[in-house]
Amino acid sequence: MVLRNRKGPILDLAMGTGDFSVEAARSQDVSVVIGLDLTLPMIILARQKASKNRTLEKIRFVLGDAQSLPFSNERFTCVTVGFGVRNFPDLTEALKELVRVLKPGGRLVILEIVYGRNTGPIATLFRKAFRVIAPWLGAIVAHDREAYAYLPESVLAFLTGDELAQSMECAGLELVERRNFAFATVVILVGKKPR
């Protein structure tokens, strides 16, 4: 959806195991995907996934920090961040960097778990269940309960979807698309850099 007609290079920031990078590399419009992560183990896992999915030739892997990107101004037509902005030490600085490397008319796409302020009974039940289910699923699926135990706490300490959208606008982006899921606790935000 978002990568349609996104010709040129794409930056997948905080790429983790490379799901977004692999998906972006499958698009014929995308010339190259730069997958950047702060940790070498994630880059190794992402490289293995790209190799398995036959997209390795279209992806370049970079070890780096979102708050000090090693790229020239206005280099990318699109930047994606999947479940990463919540972990940035300084979201304001990271967003400024992302805007800096976007070409005019380029898009920043953020997929994130956010703090939902809905107070209805179903939303309240969902939040309580999330605190129990996330570590449990981490134990079963990833065999690492502790890695997922931090998730509910990090979400509670993070922004709402509205606050994240406002942060993107303060960084100089025009919000062009928003989708909420799971009682507004998961959000996709698309910001466009003015021409």
Foldseek 3Di string as FASTA:
>chain_A
DQLVVFAEEEEEEQCQLPPVVLVSLPDPRYQAYEYEHQDPVRQVNNCVVCVVSVSNVRYHYYHDALLDDPDAFQHGQEYEYEAPLLPHPDNLSSLLSVLRNHHAFHKYKYKHFADAPDDDPQLVVLLVVQLVVQLVCCCVPVVGSPVRNCVSVSRVVGHAPVVVQVSNVVSQWDWDDKDADDNRRIMITMTGHHD
